[in-house]
């Protein structure tokens, strides 16, 4: 039996918005579903799921489809995201390399 995943309303709406943006850009470019699917390296059925905001489609496929259409996902002025990746990596470098459990047993038998 397949387990169903629950998504927040925000996540569902974000998936739907991105799907509609992809559909809009495809239609503006006068590309058929089959044409875009071939360019993105996916099936036409997968593209239809993406455009419908289906949350079961792999995130990489959605991002690749948006990239083929030239849709900026995070930063409009720098579509390569290089600066954002570097800044996030710098913030991560400041954090501890390993997270330790704080469930240490207290020795209170004197």
C-alpha atoms as a PDB file:
ATOM      1  CA  UNK A   1       0.000   0.000   0.000  1.00  0.00           C
ATOM      2  CA  UNK A   2       1.375   3.371  -1.007  1.00  0.00           C
ATOM      3  CA  UNK A   3       1.817   5.830   1.845  1.00  0.00           C
ATOM      4  CA  UNK A   4       0.321   9.271   1.222  1.00  0.00           C
ATOM      5  CA  UNK A   5       2.340  12.283   2.282  1.00  0.00           C
ATOM      6  CA  UNK A   6       0.640  15.287   3.860  1.00  0.00           C
ATOM      7  CA  UNK A   7       1.797  18.708   2.654  1.00  0.00           C
ATOM      8  CA  UNK A   8       1.188  22.095   4.208  1.00  0.00           C
ATOM      9  CA  UNK A   9      -1.130  24.511   2.455  1.00  0.00           C
ATOM     10  CA  UNK A  10       1.822  26.780   1.695  1.00  0.00           C
ATOM     11  CA  UNK A  11       3.777  23.932   0.050  1.00  0.00           C
ATOM     12  CA  UNK A  12       0.776  22.931  -2.055  1.00  0.00           C
ATOM     13  CA  UNK A  13       0.212  26.518  -3.169  1.00  0.00           C
ATOM     14  CA  UNK A  14       3.914  26.961  -3.981  1.00  0.00           C
ATOM     15  CA  UNK A  15       3.841  23.811  -6.129  1.00  0.00           C
ATOM     16  CA  UNK A  16       0.704  25.001  -7.871  1.00  0.00           C
ATOM     17  CA  UNK A  17       2.190  28.468  -8.503  1.00  0.00           C
ATOM     18  CA  UNK A  18       5.390  27.069  -9.970  1.00  0.00           C
ATOM     19  CA  UNK A  19       3.369  24.702 -12.157  1.00  0.00           C
ATOM     20  CA  UNK A  20       1.265  27.564 -13.468  1.00  0.00           C
ATOM     21  CA  UNK A  21       4.393  29.667 -14.115  1.00  0.00           C
ATOM     22  CA  UNK A  22       5.862  26.801 -16.130  1.00  0.00           C
ATOM     23  CA  UNK A  23       2.623  26.388 -18.079  1.00  0.00           C
ATOM     24  CA  UNK A  24       2.443  30.143 -18.745  1.00  0.00           C
ATOM     25  CA  UNK A  25       6.040  30.365 -20.012  1.00  0.00           C
ATOM     26  CA  UNK A  26       5.528  27.299 -22.203  1.00  0.00           C
ATOM     27  CA  UNK A  27       2.457  28.837 -23.807  1.00  0.00           C
ATOM     28  CA  UNK A  28       4.132  32.255 -24.252  1.00  0.00           C
ATOM     29  CA  UNK A  29       6.939  30.506 -26.159  1.00  0.00           C
ATOM     30  CA  UNK A  30       4.328  28.581 -28.217  1.00  0.00           C
ATOM     31  CA  UNK A  31       5.863  25.256 -27.214  1.00  0.00           C
ATOM     32  CA  UNK A  32       3.736  22.134 -27.126  1.00  0.00           C
ATOM     33  CA  UNK A  33       3.765  19.902 -24.057  1.00  0.00           C
ATOM     34  CA  UNK A  34       5.698  17.303 -26.045  1.00  0.00           C
ATOM     35  CA  UNK A  35       8.269  19.869 -27.200  1.00  0.00           C
ATOM     36  CA  UNK A  36       9.001  21.093 -23.660  1.00  0.00           C
ATOM     37  CA  UNK A  37       9.021  17.550 -22.279  1.00  0.00           C
ATOM     38  CA  UNK A  38      11.661  16.528 -24.831  1.00  0.00           C
ATOM     39  CA  UNK A  39      13.781  19.608 -24.087  1.00  0.00           C
ATOM     40  CA  UNK A  40      13.605  18.927 -20.338  1.00  0.00           C
ATOM     41  CA  UNK A  41      14.237  15.208 -20.766  1.00  0.00           C
ATOM     42  CA  UNK A  42      10.964  14.111 -19.177  1.00  0.00           C
ATOM     43  CA  UNK A  43       7.758  12.471 -20.346  1.00  0.00           C
ATOM     44  CA  UNK A  44       4.707  14.454 -21.398  1.00  0.00           C
ATOM     45  CA  UNK A  45       2.775  12.908 -18.495  1.00  0.00           C
ATOM     46  CA  UNK A  46       5.385  14.170 -16.026  1.00  0.00           C
ATOM     47  CA  UNK A  47       5.140  17.654 -17.527  1.00  0.00           C
ATOM     48  CA  UNK A  48       1.373  17.570 -17.114  1.00  0.00           C
ATOM     49  CA  UNK A  49       1.841  16.640 -13.447  1.00  0.00           C
ATOM     50  CA  UNK A  50       4.323  19.502 -12.990  1.00  0.00           C
ATOM     51  CA  UNK A  51       1.937  22.008 -14.564  1.00  0.00           C
ATOM     52  CA  UNK A  52      -0.881  20.720 -12.333  1.00  0.00           C
ATOM     53  CA  UNK A  53       1.243  21.296  -9.227  1.00  0.00           C
ATOM     54  CA  UNK A  54       1.478  17.581  -8.385  1.00  0.00           C
ATOM     55  CA  UNK A  55       3.689  17.277  -5.294  1.00  0.00           C
ATOM     56  CA  UNK A  56       4.875  13.750  -6.146  1.00  0.00           C
ATOM     57  CA  UNK A  57       7.106  14.860  -9.031  1.00  0.00           C
ATOM     58  CA  UNK A  58      10.822  14.913  -8.211  1.00  0.00           C
ATOM     59  CA  UNK A  59      12.037  18.395  -7.332  1.00  0.00           C
ATOM     60  CA  UNK A  60      14.966  18.137  -9.747  1.00  0.00           C
ATOM     61  CA  UNK A  61      12.619  17.548 -12.658  1.00  0.00           C
ATOM     62  CA  UNK A  62      10.545  20.604 -11.747  1.00  0.00           C
ATOM     63  CA  UNK A  63      13.671  22.775 -11.399  1.00  0.00           C
ATOM     64  CA  UNK A  64      15.094  21.517 -14.703  1.00  0.00           C
ATOM     65  CA  UNK A  65      11.834  22.249 -16.501  1.00  0.00           C
ATOM     66  CA  UNK A  66      11.784  25.771 -15.058  1.00  0.00           C
ATOM     67  CA  UNK A  67      15.431  26.256 -16.077  1.00  0.00           C
ATOM     68  CA  UNK A  68      14.723  25.162 -19.671  1.00  0.00           C
ATOM     69  CA  UNK A  69      12.043  27.854 -19.831  1.00  0.00           C
ATOM     70  CA  UNK A  70      14.303  30.462 -18.184  1.00  0.00           C
ATOM     71  CA  UNK A  71      12.116  30.892 -15.096  1.00  0.00           C
ATOM     72  CA  UNK A  72      14.122  32.419 -12.220  1.00  0.00           C
ATOM     73  CA  UNK A  73      13.477  30.436  -9.055  1.00  0.00           C
ATOM     74  CA  UNK A  74      15.214  32.300  -6.237  1.00  0.00           C
ATOM     75  CA  UNK A  75      17.152  35.357  -7.346  1.00  0.00           C
ATOM     76  CA  UNK A  76      16.150  37.228 -10.467  1.00  0.00           C
ATOM     77  CA  UNK A  77      19.386  39.151 -10.952  1.00  0.00           C
ATOM     78  CA  UNK A  78      21.647  36.080 -10.656  1.00  0.00           C
ATOM     79  CA  UNK A  79      20.050  32.963 -12.150  1.00  0.00           C
ATOM     80  CA  UNK A  80      23.166  30.876 -11.423  1.00  0.00           C
ATOM     81  CA  UNK A  81      22.595  31.171  -7.641  1.00  0.00           C
ATOM     82  CA  UNK A  82      26.376  31.165  -7.130  1.00  0.00           C
ATOM     83  CA  UNK A  83      26.336  34.080  -4.698  1.00  0.00           C
ATOM     84  CA  UNK A  84      23.500  32.612  -2.612  1.00  0.00           C
ATOM     85  CA  UNK A  85      25.202  29.214  -2.468  1.00  0.00           C
ATOM     86  CA  UNK A  86      28.453  30.832  -1.321  1.00  0.00           C
ATOM     87  CA  UNK A  87      26.692  32.893   1.364  1.00  0.00           C
ATOM     88  CA  UNK A  88      24.813  29.870   2.697  1.00  0.00           C
ATOM     89  CA  UNK A  89      28.033  27.808   2.684  1.00  0.00           C
ATOM     90  CA  UNK A  90      29.763  30.544   4.682  1.00  0.00           C
ATOM     91  CA  UNK A  91      26.943  30.514   7.248  1.00  0.00           C
ATOM     92  CA  UNK A  92      27.102  26.721   7.465  1.00  0.00           C
ATOM     93  CA  UNK A  93      30.876  26.922   8.058  1.00  0.00           C
ATOM     94  CA  UNK A  94      30.206  28.870  11.252  1.00  0.00           C
ATOM     95  CA  UNK A  95      28.060  26.084  12.694  1.00  0.00           C
ATOM     96  CA  UNK A  96      29.432  22.982  14.403  1.00  0.00           C
ATOM     97  CA  UNK A  97      30.443  20.206  12.024  1.00  0.00           C
ATOM     98  CA  UNK A  98      28.585  17.609  14.047  1.00  0.00           C
ATOM     99  CA  UNK A  99      25.410  17.728  16.071  1.00  0.00           C
ATOM    100  CA  UNK A 100      25.702  15.802  19.309  1.00  0.00           C
ATOM    101  CA  UNK A 101      22.898  14.380  21.333  1.00  0.00           C
ATOM    102  CA  UNK A 102      22.406  16.091  24.704  1.00  0.00           C
ATOM    103  CA  UNK A 103      21.059  12.940  26.323  1.00  0.00           C
ATOM    104  CA  UNK A 104      24.066  12.357  28.541  1.00  0.00           C
ATOM    105  CA  UNK A 105      23.512  10.393  31.682  1.00  0.00           C
ATOM    106  CA  UNK A 106      24.226  12.360  34.846  1.00  0.00           C
ATOM    107  CA  UNK A 107      26.418  10.630  37.410  1.00  0.00           C
ATOM    108  CA  UNK A 108      24.821  11.509  40.713  1.00  0.00           C
ATOM    109  CA  UNK A 109      25.870   8.559  42.864  1.00  0.00           C
ATOM    110  CA  UNK A 110      28.426  10.027  45.256  1.00  0.00           C
END
